[in-house]
Amino acid sequence: MAIVEILQQNAILSIIGISAILSLATTLVYKYATDQSLMKQIREDMKKYQEQMKTHKDDPQKVAELQGQMMPLNSKLMMQSMRPMLITTVPFLIVFALLGKVFNGLTVIPFAFHFPLSHLETGLGWVGTYVICSMIFTTLLRKVLKVV
């Protein structure tokens, strides 16, 4: 029970730390569970198709043809992205359930006003704080670890 109290007393630091750890774990799973060179190639190819679509925006038939060529690439990209998502889903559900029990109803970041995305009257709860921190850490880690 002492751990729960420590986490609650240092809620902002706890959420930042947990967010950093989960972002690192997710980024590593994504990096090693996907074929990074294939994903990079697919994204480059899709970018070329999008540029061609901009060039031929006045020709709906050509745009439709280019979209048809992009479909298999998009499908491959989705299949690559599914593997890490399947690996991380159950652990995340467990961690989020635990976090919900520990930080339920706590205002992690207090505001003098109602924050639109928060269910709390004057502040941001653990979910909002986690989402913001996670987006920051994930973006940084993907750049540092060169994850496509």
N, C-alpha and C. Protein backbone atom coordinates (compact mmCIF):
# COMPACT_ATOMS: atom_id res chain seq x y z
N MET A 1 0.82 -1.19 0.00
CA MET A 1 0.00 0.00 0.00
C MET A 1 0.86 1.25 0.00
N ALA A 2 2.07 1.18 0.51
CA ALA A 2 2.97 2.33 0.58
C ALA A 2 3.35 2.81 -0.82
N ILE A 3 3.50 1.90 -1.76
CA ILE A 3 3.85 2.27 -3.13
C ILE A 3 2.74 3.11 -3.74
N VAL A 4 1.50 2.72 -3.52
CA VAL A 4 0.35 3.46 -4.04
C VAL A 4 0.34 4.88 -3.50
N GLU A 5 0.62 5.04 -2.21
CA GLU A 5 0.65 6.37 -1.60
C GLU A 5 1.77 7.22 -2.17
N ILE A 6 2.92 6.62 -2.38
CA ILE A 6 4.05 7.35 -2.96
C ILE A 6 3.71 7.80 -4.38
N LEU A 7 3.11 6.90 -5.16
CA LEU A 7 2.71 7.25 -6.53
C LEU A 7 1.69 8.39 -6.53
N GLN A 8 0.73 8.32 -5.62
CA GLN A 8 -0.30 9.34 -5.56
C GLN A 8 0.26 10.69 -5.10
N GLN A 9 1.17 10.69 -4.15
CA GLN A 9 1.75 11.94 -3.65
C GLN A 9 2.60 12.63 -4.71
N ASN A 10 3.23 11.85 -5.55
CA ASN A 10 4.07 12.38 -6.63
C ASN A 10 3.42 12.04 -7.97
N ALA A 11 2.15 12.34 -8.09
CA ALA A 11 1.37 11.90 -9.26
C ALA A 11 1.96 12.37 -10.58
N ILE A 12 2.32 13.62 -10.69
CA ILE A 12 2.84 14.14 -11.95
C ILE A 12 4.15 13.45 -12.33
N LEU A 13 5.05 13.28 -11.36
CA LEU A 13 6.32 12.60 -11.65
C LEU A 13 6.09 11.12 -11.95
N SER A 14 5.14 10.53 -11.25
CA SER A 14 4.83 9.12 -11.48
C SER A 14 4.30 8.91 -12.90
N ILE A 15 3.38 9.76 -13.32
CA ILE A 15 2.80 9.63 -14.66
C ILE A 15 3.86 9.90 -15.72
N ILE A 16 4.71 10.90 -15.49
CA ILE A 16 5.78 11.18 -16.45
C ILE A 16 6.71 9.98 -16.57
N GLY A 17 7.10 9.40 -15.44
CA GLY A 17 7.98 8.23 -15.45
C GLY A 17 7.35 7.02 -16.11
N ILE A 18 6.11 6.75 -15.76
CA ILE A 18 5.40 5.61 -16.35
C ILE A 18 5.22 5.83 -17.85
N SER A 19 4.91 7.04 -18.23
CA SER A 19 4.74 7.37 -19.64
C SER A 19 6.05 7.17 -20.41
N ALA A 20 7.15 7.59 -19.82
CA ALA A 20 8.46 7.43 -20.46
C ALA A 20 8.79 5.95 -20.64
N ILE A 21 8.56 5.16 -19.61
CA ILE A 21 8.85 3.73 -19.67
C ILE A 21 7.98 3.03 -20.70
N LEU A 22 6.69 3.32 -20.69
CA LEU A 22 5.79 2.69 -21.65
C LEU A 22 6.07 3.14 -23.09
N SER A 23 6.44 4.39 -23.25
CA SER A 23 6.78 4.89 -24.59
C SER A 23 8.04 4.20 -25.11
N LEU A 24 9.01 4.04 -24.24
CA LEU A 24 10.24 3.34 -24.63
C LEU A 24 9.93 1.89 -25.00
N ALA A 25 9.15 1.22 -24.17
CA ALA A 25 8.80 -0.18 -24.44
C ALA A 25 8.06 -0.30 -25.77
N THR A 26 7.10 0.56 -26.00
CA THR A 26 6.32 0.51 -27.23
C THR A 26 7.20 0.79 -28.44
N THR A 27 8.07 1.77 -28.33
CA THR A 27 8.95 2.12 -29.44
C THR A 27 9.89 0.98 -29.77
N LEU A 28 10.43 0.33 -28.73
CA LEU A 28 11.33 -0.81 -28.96
C LEU A 28 10.58 -1.98 -29.59
N VAL A 29 9.38 -2.26 -29.11
CA VAL A 29 8.57 -3.33 -29.71
C VAL A 29 8.29 -3.00 -31.17
N TYR A 30 7.92 -1.77 -31.44
CA TYR A 30 7.61 -1.35 -32.80
C TYR A 30 8.84 -1.48 -33.69
N LYS A 31 10.01 -1.09 -33.16
CA LYS A 31 11.24 -1.16 -33.95
C LYS A 31 11.63 -2.59 -34.30
N TYR A 32 11.52 -3.49 -33.33
CA TYR A 32 12.01 -4.84 -33.56
C TYR A 32 10.94 -5.82 -34.04
N ALA A 33 9.69 -5.45 -33.97
CA ALA A 33 8.62 -6.34 -34.44
C ALA A 33 8.18 -5.99 -35.86
N THR A 34 8.78 -4.96 -36.43
CA THR A 34 8.44 -4.58 -37.81
C THR A 34 9.71 -4.61 -38.65
N ASP A 35 9.52 -4.75 -39.94
CA ASP A 35 10.63 -4.67 -40.88
C ASP A 35 10.82 -3.20 -41.22
N GLN A 36 11.77 -2.56 -40.55
CA GLN A 36 11.96 -1.12 -40.69
C GLN A 36 12.33 -0.70 -42.11
N SER A 37 13.16 -1.49 -42.78
CA SER A 37 13.55 -1.13 -44.14
C SER A 37 12.34 -1.23 -45.09
N LEU A 38 11.51 -2.25 -44.90
CA LEU A 38 10.30 -2.39 -45.72
C LEU A 38 9.35 -1.22 -45.47
N MET A 39 9.17 -0.87 -44.21
CA MET A 39 8.27 0.24 -43.88
C MET A 39 8.79 1.55 -44.45
N LYS A 40 10.09 1.75 -44.39
CA LYS A 40 10.67 2.97 -44.95
C LYS A 40 10.44 3.02 -46.46
N GLN A 41 10.65 1.91 -47.11
CA GLN A 41 10.46 1.84 -48.57
C GLN A 41 9.00 2.09 -48.94
N ILE A 42 8.10 1.49 -48.20
CA ILE A 42 6.66 1.67 -48.47
C ILE A 42 6.28 3.14 -48.30
N ARG A 43 6.74 3.76 -47.25
CA ARG A 43 6.41 5.17 -47.01
C ARG A 43 6.98 6.06 -48.11
N GLU A 44 8.20 5.75 -48.57
CA GLU A 44 8.78 6.53 -49.67
C GLU A 44 7.95 6.35 -50.94
N ASP A 45 7.55 5.11 -51.22
CA ASP A 45 6.73 4.84 -52.41
C ASP A 45 5.39 5.56 -52.33
N MET A 46 4.79 5.52 -51.15
CA MET A 46 3.50 6.18 -50.98
C MET A 46 3.64 7.70 -51.14
N LYS A 47 4.74 8.24 -50.69
CA LYS A 47 4.98 9.68 -50.84
C LYS A 47 5.09 10.03 -52.32
N LYS A 48 5.77 9.17 -53.09
CA LYS A 48 5.89 9.40 -54.53
C LYS A 48 4.52 9.36 -55.20
N TYR A 49 3.70 8.41 -54.81
CA TYR A 49 2.35 8.32 -55.37
C TYR A 49 1.53 9.56 -55.01
N GLN A 50 1.67 10.04 -53.78
CA GLN A 50 0.93 11.23 -53.36
C GLN A 50 1.37 12.46 -54.16
N GLU A 51 2.67 12.55 -54.44
CA GLU A 51 3.16 13.66 -55.26
C GLU A 51 2.60 13.57 -56.67
N GLN A 52 2.55 12.36 -57.21
CA GLN A 52 1.97 12.15 -58.55
C GLN A 52 0.50 12.51 -58.55
N MET A 53 -0.19 12.18 -57.47
CA MET A 53 -1.61 12.51 -57.37
C MET A 53 -1.82 14.02 -57.37
N LYS A 54 -0.93 14.75 -56.71
CA LYS A 54 -1.02 16.22 -56.71
C LYS A 54 -0.80 16.76 -58.12
N THR A 55 0.14 16.15 -58.83
CA THR A 55 0.44 16.58 -60.19
C THR A 55 -0.75 16.35 -61.12
N HIS A 56 -1.45 15.24 -60.92
CA HIS A 56 -2.56 14.84 -61.79
C HIS A 56 -3.92 15.08 -61.15
N LYS A 57 -4.01 16.07 -60.27
CA LYS A 57 -5.26 16.30 -59.55
C LYS A 57 -6.43 16.66 -60.47
N ASP A 58 -6.13 17.13 -61.67
CA ASP A 58 -7.20 17.47 -62.63
C ASP A 58 -7.66 16.27 -63.44
N ASP A 59 -6.98 15.14 -63.30
CA ASP A 59 -7.33 13.92 -64.05
C ASP A 59 -7.82 12.86 -63.06
N PRO A 60 -9.15 12.80 -62.84
CA PRO A 60 -9.69 11.87 -61.84
C PRO A 60 -9.37 10.40 -62.14
N GLN A 61 -9.28 10.06 -63.41
CA GLN A 61 -8.98 8.67 -63.78
C GLN A 61 -7.55 8.30 -63.36
N LYS A 62 -6.61 9.21 -63.58
CA LYS A 62 -5.21 8.96 -63.20
C LYS A 62 -5.09 8.91 -61.67
N VAL A 63 -5.79 9.79 -60.98
CA VAL A 63 -5.77 9.80 -59.51
C VAL A 63 -6.31 8.47 -58.98
N ALA A 64 -7.40 7.99 -59.57
CA ALA A 64 -7.99 6.71 -59.14
C ALA A 64 -7.01 5.56 -59.40
N GLU A 65 -6.30 5.62 -60.52
CA GLU A 65 -5.31 4.59 -60.84
C GLU A 65 -4.17 4.60 -59.82
N LEU A 66 -3.71 5.79 -59.48
CA LEU A 66 -2.64 5.92 -58.48
C LEU A 66 -3.10 5.44 -57.11
N GLN A 67 -4.36 5.76 -56.75
CA GLN A 67 -4.90 5.28 -55.48
C GLN A 67 -4.97 3.76 -55.47
N GLY A 68 -5.31 3.17 -56.60
CA GLY A 68 -5.35 1.71 -56.71
C GLY A 68 -3.98 1.09 -56.52
N GLN A 69 -2.95 1.79 -56.98
CA GLN A 69 -1.58 1.29 -56.81
C GLN A 69 -1.11 1.46 -55.36
N MET A 70 -1.67 2.44 -54.68
CA MET A 70 -1.29 2.67 -53.28
C MET A 70 -1.95 1.67 -52.32
N MET A 71 -3.09 1.12 -52.71
CA MET A 71 -3.85 0.23 -51.82
C MET A 71 -3.01 -0.95 -51.32
N PRO A 72 -2.32 -1.70 -52.19
CA PRO A 72 -1.52 -2.82 -51.66
C PRO A 72 -0.40 -2.35 -50.72
N LEU A 73 0.18 -1.19 -51.02
CA LEU A 73 1.23 -0.66 -50.14
C LEU A 73 0.65 -0.32 -48.77
N ASN A 74 -0.51 0.31 -48.78
CA ASN A 74 -1.17 0.66 -47.53
C ASN A 74 -1.50 -0.60 -46.73
N SER A 75 -1.90 -1.63 -47.43
CA SER A 75 -2.23 -2.91 -46.78
C SER A 75 -0.98 -3.52 -46.12
N LYS A 76 0.15 -3.49 -46.82
CA LYS A 76 1.41 -4.00 -46.25
C LYS A 76 1.81 -3.20 -45.01
N LEU A 77 1.65 -1.90 -45.11
CA LEU A 77 1.99 -1.03 -43.99
C LEU A 77 1.13 -1.35 -42.78
N MET A 78 -0.16 -1.57 -43.01
CA MET A 78 -1.09 -1.92 -41.92
C MET A 78 -0.70 -3.25 -41.29
N MET A 79 -0.34 -4.23 -42.11
CA MET A 79 0.04 -5.54 -41.58
C MET A 79 1.29 -5.44 -40.71
N GLN A 80 2.24 -4.62 -41.14
CA GLN A 80 3.45 -4.42 -40.35
C GLN A 80 3.12 -3.76 -39.01
N SER A 81 2.19 -2.82 -39.03
CA SER A 81 1.83 -2.08 -37.82
C SER A 81 0.99 -2.91 -36.85
N MET A 82 0.31 -3.92 -37.35
CA MET A 82 -0.55 -4.75 -36.50
C MET A 82 0.24 -5.59 -35.51
N ARG A 83 1.36 -6.10 -35.92
CA ARG A 83 2.16 -6.99 -35.07
C ARG A 83 2.54 -6.33 -33.75
N PRO A 84 3.15 -5.14 -33.76
CA PRO A 84 3.49 -4.52 -32.47
C PRO A 84 2.25 -4.15 -31.65
N MET A 85 1.18 -3.80 -32.34
CA MET A 85 -0.05 -3.47 -31.62
C MET A 85 -0.59 -4.70 -30.88
N LEU A 86 -0.54 -5.85 -31.53
CA LEU A 86 -1.01 -7.08 -30.89
C LEU A 86 -0.12 -7.46 -29.70
N ILE A 87 1.16 -7.21 -29.83
CA ILE A 87 2.10 -7.54 -28.75
C ILE A 87 1.87 -6.66 -27.52
N THR A 88 1.55 -5.39 -27.74
CA THR A 88 1.47 -4.45 -26.62
C THR A 88 0.07 -4.28 -26.03
N THR A 89 -0.97 -4.76 -26.69
CA THR A 89 -2.34 -4.50 -26.24
C THR A 89 -2.62 -5.03 -24.84
N VAL A 90 -2.38 -6.30 -24.58
CA VAL A 90 -2.72 -6.90 -23.28
C VAL A 90 -1.90 -6.27 -22.15
N PRO A 91 -0.58 -6.12 -22.31
CA PRO A 91 0.16 -5.46 -21.22
C PRO A 91 -0.35 -4.04 -20.95
N PHE A 92 -0.69 -3.30 -22.00
CA PHE A 92 -1.20 -1.95 -21.80
C PHE A 92 -2.53 -1.95 -21.07
N LEU A 93 -3.41 -2.86 -21.41
CA LEU A 93 -4.69 -2.95 -20.72
C LEU A 93 -4.50 -3.20 -19.23
N ILE A 94 -3.57 -4.07 -18.91
CA ILE A 94 -3.28 -4.38 -17.50
C ILE A 94 -2.71 -3.15 -16.79
N VAL A 95 -1.73 -2.50 -17.42
CA VAL A 95 -1.11 -1.31 -16.81
C VAL A 95 -2.14 -0.20 -16.64
N PHE A 96 -2.97 0.03 -17.66
CA PHE A 96 -3.98 1.09 -17.56
C PHE A 96 -5.02 0.78 -16.49
N ALA A 97 -5.37 -0.47 -16.33
CA ALA A 97 -6.31 -0.84 -15.27
C ALA A 97 -5.71 -0.53 -13.90
N LEU A 98 -4.44 -0.86 -13.73
CA LEU A 98 -3.76 -0.56 -12.46
C LEU A 98 -3.64 0.95 -12.23
N LEU A 99 -3.28 1.67 -13.28
CA LEU A 99 -3.17 3.13 -13.16
C LEU A 99 -4.52 3.76 -12.81
N GLY A 100 -5.57 3.22 -13.39
CA GLY A 100 -6.91 3.72 -13.09
C GLY A 100 -7.26 3.55 -11.63
N LYS A 101 -6.83 2.44 -11.04
CA LYS A 101 -7.11 2.21 -9.62
C LYS A 101 -6.26 3.13 -8.74
N VAL A 102 -5.01 3.34 -9.12
CA VAL A 102 -4.11 4.15 -8.30
C VAL A 102 -4.45 5.65 -8.39
N PHE A 103 -4.74 6.14 -9.60
CA PHE A 103 -4.91 7.58 -9.81
C PHE A 103 -6.35 8.00 -10.02
N ASN A 104 -7.30 7.14 -9.76
CA ASN A 104 -8.71 7.46 -9.98
C ASN A 104 -9.14 8.72 -9.22
N GLY A 105 -9.65 9.71 -9.94
CA GLY A 105 -10.17 10.92 -9.31
C GLY A 105 -9.13 11.94 -8.89
N LEU A 106 -7.85 11.63 -9.07
CA LEU A 106 -6.79 12.57 -8.69
C LEU A 106 -6.59 13.62 -9.77
N THR A 107 -6.42 14.85 -9.35
CA THR A 107 -6.03 15.90 -10.28
C THR A 107 -4.52 15.91 -10.34
N VAL A 108 -3.99 15.53 -11.50
CA VAL A 108 -2.54 15.44 -11.65
C VAL A 108 -1.94 16.80 -12.00
N ILE A 109 -2.59 17.50 -12.93
CA ILE A 109 -2.15 18.85 -13.29
C ILE A 109 -3.31 19.80 -12.98
N PRO A 110 -3.19 20.58 -11.92
CA PRO A 110 -4.30 21.49 -11.55
C PRO A 110 -4.35 22.73 -12.45
N PHE A 111 -5.57 23.16 -12.77
CA PHE A 111 -5.82 24.39 -13.50
C PHE A 111 -6.82 25.22 -12.71
N ALA A 112 -6.86 26.50 -12.98
CA ALA A 112 -7.83 27.36 -12.32
C ALA A 112 -9.16 27.35 -13.08
N PHE A 113 -9.24 26.53 -14.11
CA PHE A 113 -10.43 26.44 -14.95
C PHE A 113 -10.67 24.99 -15.35
N HIS A 114 -11.80 24.74 -15.95
CA HIS A 114 -12.11 23.38 -16.42
C HIS A 114 -11.42 23.15 -17.75
N PHE A 115 -10.59 22.14 -17.80
CA PHE A 115 -9.90 21.76 -19.03
C PHE A 115 -10.88 20.94 -19.87
N PRO A 116 -11.12 21.33 -21.12
CA PRO A 116 -12.17 20.70 -21.93
C PRO A 116 -12.10 19.18 -22.05
N LEU A 117 -10.92 18.59 -22.10
CA LEU A 117 -10.81 17.15 -22.29
C LEU A 117 -10.77 16.36 -20.98
N SER A 118 -10.94 17.03 -19.89
CA SER A 118 -10.86 16.37 -18.59
C SER A 118 -12.23 16.22 -17.96
N HIS A 119 -12.42 15.13 -17.23
CA HIS A 119 -13.67 14.92 -16.50
C HIS A 119 -13.63 15.63 -15.14
N LEU A 120 -12.46 16.12 -14.77
CA LEU A 120 -12.31 16.82 -13.50
C LEU A 120 -12.69 18.29 -13.65
N GLU A 121 -13.14 18.89 -12.58
CA GLU A 121 -13.59 20.29 -12.61
C GLU A 121 -12.45 21.27 -12.87
N THR A 122 -11.36 21.12 -12.16
CA THR A 122 -10.27 22.10 -12.28
C THR A 122 -8.92 21.42 -12.45
N GLY A 123 -8.75 20.70 -13.51
CA GLY A 123 -7.45 20.09 -13.74
C GLY A 123 -7.49 18.95 -14.72
N LEU A 124 -6.35 18.37 -14.90
CA LEU A 124 -6.18 17.26 -15.82
C LEU A 124 -5.87 16.01 -15.00
N GLY A 125 -6.57 14.93 -15.28
CA GLY A 125 -6.35 13.68 -14.57
C GLY A 125 -5.19 12.89 -15.15
N TRP A 126 -5.06 11.66 -14.72
CA TRP A 126 -3.93 10.85 -15.13
C TRP A 126 -3.98 10.49 -16.60
N VAL A 127 -5.16 10.27 -17.15
CA VAL A 127 -5.25 9.88 -18.57
C VAL A 127 -4.75 11.00 -19.46
N GLY A 128 -5.26 12.21 -19.24
CA GLY A 128 -4.83 13.35 -20.05
C GLY A 128 -3.35 13.62 -19.92
N THR A 129 -2.86 13.54 -18.70
CA THR A 129 -1.43 13.75 -18.46
C THR A 129 -0.61 12.69 -19.17
N TYR A 130 -1.07 11.43 -19.06
CA TYR A 130 -0.36 10.33 -19.72
C TYR A 130 -0.33 10.54 -21.23
N VAL A 131 -1.46 10.90 -21.82
CA VAL A 131 -1.54 11.07 -23.27
C VAL A 131 -0.56 12.16 -23.73
N ILE A 132 -0.55 13.28 -23.05
CA ILE A 132 0.35 14.38 -23.43
C ILE A 132 1.81 13.95 -23.31
N CYS A 133 2.16 13.35 -22.18
CA CYS A 133 3.55 12.90 -21.97
C CYS A 133 3.93 11.81 -22.96
N SER A 134 3.03 10.91 -23.20
CA SER A 134 3.30 9.80 -24.11
C SER A 134 3.57 10.29 -25.52
N MET A 135 2.79 11.26 -25.97
CA MET A 135 3.00 11.81 -27.32
C MET A 135 4.39 12.44 -27.42
N ILE A 136 4.79 13.16 -26.40
CA ILE A 136 6.10 13.81 -26.40
C ILE A 136 7.22 12.77 -26.40
N PHE A 137 7.14 11.81 -25.45
CA PHE A 137 8.19 10.80 -25.36
C PHE A 137 8.26 9.91 -26.60
N THR A 138 7.12 9.51 -27.11
CA THR A 138 7.11 8.64 -28.29
C THR A 138 7.73 9.34 -29.49
N THR A 139 7.39 10.60 -29.69
CA THR A 139 7.97 11.35 -30.80
C THR A 139 9.48 11.45 -30.66
N LEU A 140 9.95 11.80 -29.47
CA LEU A 140 11.39 11.91 -29.24
C LEU A 140 12.10 10.57 -29.41
N LEU A 141 11.54 9.53 -28.83
CA LEU A 141 12.18 8.21 -28.90
C LEU A 141 12.22 7.66 -30.32
N ARG A 142 11.17 7.90 -31.10
CA ARG A 142 11.17 7.43 -32.49
C ARG A 142 12.27 8.12 -33.29
N LYS A 143 12.49 9.40 -33.02
CA LYS A 143 13.57 10.11 -33.72
C LYS A 143 14.94 9.62 -33.27
N VAL A 144 15.12 9.48 -31.96
CA VAL A 144 16.41 9.05 -31.41
C VAL A 144 16.74 7.62 -31.86
N LEU A 145 15.75 6.73 -31.80
CA LEU A 145 15.99 5.32 -32.15
C LEU A 145 15.79 5.03 -33.64
N LYS A 146 15.49 6.08 -34.42
CA LYS A 146 15.31 5.97 -35.87
C LYS A 146 14.28 4.91 -36.25
N VAL A 147 13.11 5.03 -35.63
CA VAL A 147 12.01 4.13 -35.93
C VAL A 147 11.14 4.79 -36.98
N VAL A 148 10.85 4.05 -38.03
CA VAL A 148 10.02 4.58 -39.12
C VAL A 148 8.57 4.62 -38.70
